[in-house]
Amino acid sequence: MKASFYLLISCLLAACTSVRYMEIETYNPSEVTYPESVRKVLIVNNALPQPPDTGYEFKFLGLPQDTCKANADSALFDACRAFGTAIVEAGFFDDVLLFQETTRKDEAFYADVKLSPEEVESLCEETGTDAVISFDRLLFDMKKEVKAFMDGYVTGKIRVDIVGIVRSYLPGKISPDVTVLVSDSVFWSEEVSAPGELSLLLPAPNEALRVAGNYVGSKLYSVFVPHWNNEIRWYFTGSGARWKEATAYAVSEKWEQAAERWQYIYNNSFRWSDKAKSASNLALACEITARMEKALEWAEVSYSLFEKNKGKDYAHTQTQQFYTERLRQRVSNDKKLNLQFGEK
């Protein structure tokens, strides 16, 4: 749905000059909702690093290189640190600690090993925390390839696939509170005139793993804490005096004044298209001024008018359908955010 939505955006930009696009920040709840008593959390690395000769494949001009190695120890630590830093910056918990010691005593790096209830209880008592978020497994699969290219050039590519399991534990519970499956990838690609130049542009094996660890750790935080996202929005413009006044106010981010003009157009226009477009704009003004339920009402009005008069396949009908669904989700998200912040 997301890919097709942005395709529609591109089509509208190319074919229509009566739509202006903008970026807004939306505040979204975390997937995990903790009890109000959880104010301090502990980040633990319960994963074992894979051996240096495991999970790294390098082909140079079609020939496998047998001596390639990559050390994942630092990558595991970087993932935990990036994760903890991102949670701290979100400002949701009172305190976030990173446990520095090793929790695993076995050597089965490929195994998914949970923390026991006794370990969780001990870790929380030792650190004064209310919950534990543990990287129970994190594995890297890196493939590097250098190929001959046209006119004597060579191309070098690196892909690191990351898979793992992260769990949240609460003391006093027999089983984990939440289990998150990790699956992501990081890519590099460069073209140069000589193979030796690739070492200046592509990361060394250990560094590539560390970048991958940082990347996956910094992305995971949104599962556990409320967070901000950037999203695309749009509003319609027109040639009449009220349309121009409204656009000027919207450009200046004076949304209440813009909404007054759009409301006038909606109330006084005899054309369904003006009503549909002004209703969509009123939905945006309400969303930006944090009146989500009213925004949803206006978005539904706009969608109904587009769908009734132009059909479901019309570009504006589809974008309004997307917007209506997103606002419906935001109304639900606001209720969940209130719960996560302990508000009624």
Protein backbone atom coordinates (compact mmCIF):
# COMPACT_ATOMS: atom_id res chain seq x y z
CA MET A 1 0.00 0.00 0.00
CA LYS A 2 2.81 2.42 0.90
CA ALA A 3 4.64 1.96 -2.41
CA SER A 4 1.48 2.43 -4.47
CA PHE A 5 0.61 5.54 -2.45
CA TYR A 6 3.90 7.23 -3.30
CA LEU A 7 3.44 6.22 -6.93
CA LEU A 8 0.13 8.06 -6.85
CA ILE A 9 1.85 11.06 -5.32
CA SER A 10 4.36 11.10 -8.20
CA CYS A 11 1.58 10.86 -10.78
CA LEU A 12 -0.33 13.72 -9.20
CA LEU A 13 2.76 15.90 -9.06
CA ALA A 14 3.36 15.34 -12.75
CA ALA A 15 -0.23 15.79 -13.90
CA CYS A 16 -1.72 18.35 -11.52
CA THR A 17 -0.55 21.75 -10.30
CA SER A 18 -3.48 22.31 -7.90
CA VAL A 19 -2.05 20.16 -5.11
CA ARG A 20 0.68 21.23 -2.69
CA TYR A 21 2.63 18.68 -0.68
CA MET A 22 4.17 19.10 2.73
CA GLU A 23 5.81 17.04 5.45
CA ILE A 24 4.46 16.77 8.98
CA GLU A 25 5.66 14.98 12.11
CA THR A 26 3.29 12.53 13.76
CA TYR A 27 3.65 11.07 17.24
CA ASN A 28 3.03 7.34 17.31
CA PRO A 29 2.64 4.83 20.14
CA SER A 30 5.06 1.99 20.66
CA GLU A 31 4.00 -1.54 19.84
CA VAL A 32 4.75 -2.52 23.44
CA THR A 33 2.66 -1.03 26.24
CA TYR A 34 4.39 -1.32 29.60
CA PRO A 35 2.71 -1.12 33.01
CA GLU A 36 2.89 2.36 34.57
CA SER A 37 5.30 0.98 37.17
CA VAL A 38 8.02 0.42 34.54
CA ARG A 39 10.09 3.62 34.64
CA LYS A 40 13.64 2.24 34.44
CA VAL A 41 14.77 -0.38 31.91
CA LEU A 42 17.93 -2.41 31.47
CA ILE A 43 19.37 -3.26 28.02
CA VAL A 44 21.16 -6.62 28.01
CA ASN A 45 23.25 -8.38 25.37
CA ASN A 46 22.30 -12.04 25.79
CA ALA A 47 23.53 -12.98 22.30
CA LEU A 48 26.84 -14.68 21.54
CA PRO A 49 29.03 -13.40 18.67
CA GLN A 50 29.35 -15.73 15.72
CA PRO A 51 32.86 -17.05 14.90
CA PRO A 52 34.96 -14.80 12.62
CA ASP A 53 34.91 -17.38 9.81
CA THR A 54 31.12 -17.74 9.90
CA GLY A 55 28.60 -15.65 7.96
CA TYR A 56 31.03 -13.91 5.59
CA GLU A 57 31.34 -14.72 1.89
CA PHE A 58 33.66 -12.80 -0.45
CA LYS A 59 33.93 -13.32 -4.21
CA PHE A 60 36.60 -11.50 -6.20
CA LEU A 61 36.03 -11.59 -9.98
CA GLY A 62 33.99 -14.74 -9.53
CA LEU A 63 36.47 -16.58 -7.29
CA PRO A 64 35.57 -17.30 -3.63
CA GLN A 65 38.15 -15.99 -1.15
CA ASP A 66 38.80 -18.64 1.50
CA THR A 67 40.63 -16.47 4.04
CA CYS A 68 37.95 -13.85 4.64
CA LYS A 69 36.96 -13.23 8.27
CA ALA A 70 34.82 -10.72 10.15
CA ASN A 71 34.53 -10.17 13.89
CA ALA A 72 30.98 -9.61 15.18
CA ASP A 73 31.80 -8.89 18.85
CA SER A 74 31.74 -5.12 18.47
CA ALA A 75 28.68 -5.25 16.22
CA LEU A 76 26.65 -6.87 19.00
CA PHE A 77 27.70 -4.21 21.49
CA ASP A 78 27.02 -1.46 18.95
CA ALA A 79 23.50 -2.78 18.36
CA CYS A 80 22.74 -2.69 22.10
CA ARG A 81 24.29 0.74 22.56
CA ALA A 82 22.50 2.27 19.54
CA PHE A 83 19.25 0.76 20.77
CA GLY A 84 19.73 2.16 24.26
CA THR A 85 20.76 5.58 22.96
CA ALA A 86 17.66 5.81 20.77
CA ILE A 87 15.41 4.90 23.73
CA VAL A 88 17.11 7.52 25.91
CA GLU A 89 16.60 10.19 23.25
CA ALA A 90 12.90 9.31 23.04
CA GLY A 91 12.58 10.52 26.65
CA PHE A 92 9.86 8.06 27.63
CA PHE A 93 11.52 6.20 30.51
CA ASP A 94 13.06 7.86 33.54
CA ASP A 95 16.32 5.94 33.09
CA VAL A 96 17.87 3.47 30.63
CA LEU A 97 20.90 1.36 31.61
CA LEU A 98 23.18 -0.80 29.46
CA PHE A 99 24.40 -3.96 31.18
CA GLN A 100 28.11 -4.33 30.50
CA GLU A 101 28.67 -7.95 31.50
CA THR A 102 28.13 -11.20 29.59
CA THR A 103 25.01 -13.16 30.52
CA ARG A 104 25.62 -16.29 28.41
CA LYS A 105 27.97 -19.08 29.54
CA ASP A 106 27.49 -21.48 26.62
CA GLU A 107 29.14 -21.40 23.17
CA ALA A 108 26.10 -22.08 20.94
CA PHE A 109 26.12 -18.72 19.13
CA TYR A 110 23.33 -19.85 16.79
CA ALA A 111 20.96 -20.76 19.64
CA ASP A 112 18.09 -18.62 20.87
CA VAL A 113 18.48 -18.63 24.65
CA LYS A 114 15.94 -16.82 26.82
CA LEU A 115 16.71 -15.24 30.17
CA SER A 116 15.28 -17.27 33.01
CA PRO A 117 12.84 -15.66 35.49
CA GLU A 118 15.57 -15.93 38.11
CA GLU A 119 18.05 -14.09 35.87
CA VAL A 120 15.53 -11.33 35.16
CA GLU A 121 14.80 -10.94 38.87
CA SER A 122 18.51 -10.81 39.69
CA LEU A 123 19.32 -8.30 36.94
CA CYS A 124 16.54 -5.96 38.02
CA GLU A 125 17.51 -6.17 41.68
CA GLU A 126 21.20 -5.60 40.90
CA THR A 127 20.58 -2.55 38.69
CA GLY A 128 17.45 -1.10 40.28
CA THR A 129 15.46 -1.40 37.07
CA ASP A 130 11.85 -2.41 36.41
CA ALA A 131 12.20 -4.36 33.15
CA VAL A 132 14.83 -5.96 30.94
CA ILE A 133 15.08 -5.70 27.16
CA SER A 134 17.43 -8.41 25.94
CA PHE A 135 19.09 -9.17 22.60
CA ASP A 136 18.74 -12.95 22.86
CA ARG A 137 20.13 -13.67 19.39
CA LEU A 138 21.70 -11.52 16.67
CA LEU A 139 23.38 -13.01 13.61
CA PHE A 140 24.96 -11.38 10.56
CA ASP A 141 25.30 -12.79 7.05
CA MET A 142 27.65 -10.67 4.94
CA LYS A 143 28.25 -11.11 1.22
CA LYS A 144 30.84 -9.08 -0.65
CA GLU A 145 31.44 -9.31 -4.39
CA VAL A 146 33.79 -7.53 -6.76
CA LYS A 147 32.93 -7.86 -10.47
CA ALA A 148 34.44 -6.61 -13.70
CA PHE A 149 32.39 -3.84 -15.27
CA MET A 150 32.40 -2.16 -18.67
CA ASP A 151 35.40 -0.17 -19.96
CA GLY A 152 37.78 -1.60 -17.38
CA TYR A 153 35.74 -0.52 -14.38
CA VAL A 154 34.93 -2.78 -11.45
CA THR A 155 31.91 -2.75 -9.17
CA GLY A 156 31.99 -3.70 -5.52
CA LYS A 157 28.92 -4.59 -3.48
CA ILE A 158 28.38 -5.53 0.14
CA ARG A 159 25.14 -6.79 1.64
CA VAL A 160 24.70 -7.56 5.33
CA ASP A 161 21.55 -9.42 6.36
CA ILE A 162 20.68 -9.23 10.05
CA VAL A 163 18.37 -11.64 11.85
CA GLY A 164 17.73 -11.91 15.55
CA ILE A 165 15.37 -12.00 18.48
CA VAL A 166 14.83 -9.26 21.06
CA ARG A 167 12.65 -9.81 24.11
CA SER A 168 11.23 -7.74 26.91
CA TYR A 169 11.09 -9.31 30.36
CA LEU A 170 9.28 -8.22 33.50
CA PRO A 171 10.34 -9.53 36.91
CA GLY A 172 7.88 -11.94 38.45
CA LYS A 173 6.69 -13.29 35.10
CA ILE A 174 7.48 -16.83 33.95
CA SER A 175 7.64 -16.03 30.23
CA PRO A 176 8.87 -12.99 28.26
CA ASP A 177 6.45 -10.09 28.06
CA VAL A 178 7.21 -9.38 24.38
CA THR A 179 9.18 -11.14 21.62
CA VAL A 180 10.35 -9.20 18.56
CA LEU A 181 11.77 -10.91 15.47
CA VAL A 182 14.52 -8.91 13.79
CA SER A 183 15.09 -9.07 10.03
CA ASP A 184 16.81 -6.30 8.09
CA SER A 185 19.59 -5.55 5.60
CA VAL A 186 22.27 -2.97 4.88
CA PHE A 187 23.78 -2.36 1.42
CA TRP A 188 26.81 -0.71 -0.17
CA SER A 189 27.62 -0.41 -3.89
CA GLU A 190 30.50 1.41 -5.60
CA GLU A 191 32.02 1.57 -9.10
CA VAL A 192 35.71 2.41 -9.61
CA SER A 193 38.38 2.24 -12.30
CA ALA A 194 40.68 -0.09 -10.30
CA PRO A 195 39.96 -2.75 -7.64
CA GLY A 196 42.32 -1.12 -5.15
CA GLU A 197 40.13 1.98 -4.99
CA LEU A 198 37.25 -0.01 -3.51
CA SER A 199 39.01 -0.22 -0.15
CA LEU A 200 38.72 3.58 0.07
CA LEU A 201 34.97 3.53 -0.53
CA LEU A 202 33.62 0.27 0.86
CA PRO A 203 33.82 -0.46 4.61
CA ALA A 204 36.19 -3.12 5.93
CA PRO A 205 34.43 -6.35 7.03
CA ASN A 206 34.45 -5.57 10.75
CA GLU A 207 33.27 -2.02 10.09
CA ALA A 208 30.44 -3.23 7.85
CA LEU A 209 29.16 -5.43 10.67
CA ARG A 210 29.39 -2.55 13.13
CA VAL A 211 27.41 -0.30 10.81
CA ALA A 212 24.81 -3.04 10.48
CA GLY A 213 24.64 -3.42 14.27
CA ASN A 214 24.20 0.32 14.77
CA TYR A 215 21.54 0.42 12.07
CA VAL A 216 19.37 -2.37 13.42
CA GLY A 217 19.72 -1.16 17.01
CA SER A 218 18.70 2.40 16.17
CA LYS A 219 15.60 1.19 14.31
CA LEU A 220 14.30 -1.18 16.98
CA TYR A 221 13.60 1.52 19.56
CA SER A 222 10.22 2.43 18.01
CA VAL A 223 8.85 -0.99 19.02
CA PHE A 224 9.37 -0.17 22.69
CA VAL A 225 8.77 3.59 23.07
CA PRO A 226 6.49 6.23 21.51
CA HIS A 227 8.22 7.96 18.62
CA TRP A 228 8.01 10.62 15.92
CA ASN A 229 7.62 9.85 12.20
CA ASN A 230 7.73 12.12 9.15
CA GLU A 231 4.73 11.76 6.85
CA ILE A 232 3.55 13.33 3.60
CA ARG A 233 0.38 15.42 3.51
CA TRP A 234 -1.21 17.64 0.84
CA TYR A 235 -3.80 20.34 0.33
CA PHE A 236 -5.69 21.55 -2.72
CA THR A 237 -5.41 25.06 -4.14
CA GLY A 238 -7.67 27.00 -6.50
CA SER A 239 -7.93 30.17 -8.53
CA GLY A 240 -10.71 31.95 -6.65
CA ALA A 241 -10.11 34.67 -4.04
CA ARG A 242 -11.05 32.42 -1.10
CA TRP A 243 -8.79 29.64 -2.41
CA LYS A 244 -5.86 32.07 -2.73
CA GLU A 245 -6.43 33.49 0.73
CA ALA A 246 -6.57 30.01 2.22
CA THR A 247 -3.38 28.97 0.41
CA ALA A 248 -1.54 32.05 1.68
CA TYR A 249 -2.58 31.24 5.25
CA ALA A 250 -1.60 27.57 4.81
CA VAL A 251 1.84 28.53 3.47
CA SER A 252 2.26 30.73 6.57
CA GLU A 253 1.05 27.83 8.76
CA LYS A 254 -1.94 29.83 9.98
CA TRP A 255 -4.24 26.86 9.89
CA GLU A 256 -7.25 28.28 11.70
CA GLN A 257 -7.51 31.18 9.25
CA ALA A 258 -6.99 28.80 6.31
CA ALA A 259 -9.71 26.53 7.69
CA GLU A 260 -12.17 29.45 7.85
CA ARG A 261 -11.70 30.06 4.10
CA TRP A 262 -11.97 26.35 3.24
CA GLN A 263 -15.11 26.11 5.36
CA TYR A 264 -16.62 29.04 3.44
CA ILE A 265 -15.82 27.33 0.11
CA TYR A 266 -17.35 24.07 1.31
CA ASN A 267 -20.54 25.78 2.53
CA ASN A 268 -21.06 28.00 -0.51
CA SER A 269 -19.78 26.09 -3.53
CA PHE A 270 -22.20 24.38 -5.91
CA ARG A 271 -19.49 22.17 -7.43
CA TRP A 272 -18.86 18.79 -5.85
CA SER A 273 -15.14 18.99 -6.67
CA ASP A 274 -14.73 22.19 -4.65
CA LYS A 275 -16.56 20.58 -1.75
CA ALA A 276 -14.40 17.45 -1.95
CA LYS A 277 -11.15 19.42 -2.09
CA SER A 278 -12.08 21.87 0.65
CA ALA A 279 -13.23 18.98 2.86
CA SER A 280 -9.85 17.31 2.39
CA ASN A 281 -8.12 20.57 3.30
CA LEU A 282 -10.29 20.93 6.40
CA ALA A 283 -9.25 17.42 7.43
CA LEU A 284 -5.60 18.48 7.20
CA ALA A 285 -6.20 21.66 9.20
CA CYS A 286 -7.94 19.66 11.92
CA GLU A 287 -5.14 17.06 11.97
CA ILE A 288 -2.45 19.69 12.34
CA THR A 289 -4.38 21.38 15.17
CA ALA A 290 -4.76 17.98 16.92
CA ARG A 291 -8.49 17.47 16.36
CA MET A 292 -8.16 13.95 15.04
CA GLU A 293 -11.77 12.79 15.19
CA LYS A 294 -12.94 15.92 13.36
CA ALA A 295 -10.16 15.44 10.82
CA LEU A 296 -11.39 11.90 10.20
CA GLU A 297 -14.95 13.17 9.66
CA TRP A 298 -13.83 15.66 7.02
CA ALA A 299 -11.59 13.11 5.31
CA GLU A 300 -14.52 10.71 5.05
CA VAL A 301 -16.66 13.45 3.50
CA SER A 302 -13.98 14.18 0.93
CA TYR A 303 -13.46 10.51 0.08
CA SER A 304 -17.20 9.94 -0.34
CA LEU A 305 -17.50 12.86 -2.76
CA PHE A 306 -14.54 11.73 -4.89
CA GLU A 307 -15.70 8.11 -4.89
CA LYS A 308 -19.31 9.00 -5.77
CA ASN A 309 -18.43 11.33 -8.64
CA LYS A 310 -15.21 9.86 -10.08
CA GLY A 311 -15.11 6.25 -8.92
CA LYS A 312 -12.68 4.20 -6.83
CA ASP A 313 -9.91 4.17 -9.46
CA TYR A 314 -9.61 7.97 -9.63
CA ALA A 315 -6.25 9.15 -8.29
CA HIS A 316 -7.71 11.62 -5.76
CA THR A 317 -10.19 8.99 -4.58
CA GLN A 318 -7.35 6.61 -3.81
CA THR A 319 -5.22 9.20 -2.04
CA GLN A 320 -8.22 10.27 0.04
CA GLN A 321 -8.87 6.64 0.91
CA PHE A 322 -5.26 6.34 2.10
CA TYR A 323 -5.60 9.55 4.11
CA THR A 324 -8.87 8.42 5.69
CA GLU A 325 -7.31 5.12 6.74
CA ARG A 326 -4.27 6.92 8.17
CA LEU A 327 -6.44 9.31 10.20
CA ARG A 328 -8.50 6.41 11.49
CA GLN A 329 -5.24 4.83 12.64
CA ARG A 330 -4.15 8.09 14.27
CA VAL A 331 -7.41 8.30 16.23
CA SER A 332 -6.73 4.79 17.52
CA ASN A 333 -3.07 5.68 18.16
CA ASP A 334 -4.04 8.64 20.32
CA LYS A 335 -6.03 6.36 22.60
CA LYS A 336 -3.08 4.00 22.85
CA LEU A 337 -0.70 6.91 23.56
CA ASN A 338 -2.95 8.07 26.40
CA LEU A 339 -2.76 4.57 27.84
CA GLN A 340 1.02 4.44 27.52
CA PHE A 341 1.39 7.78 29.27
CA GLY A 342 -1.03 6.76 32.03
CA GLU A 343 -3.78 9.17 30.92
CA LYS A 344 -7.50 8.37 30.87
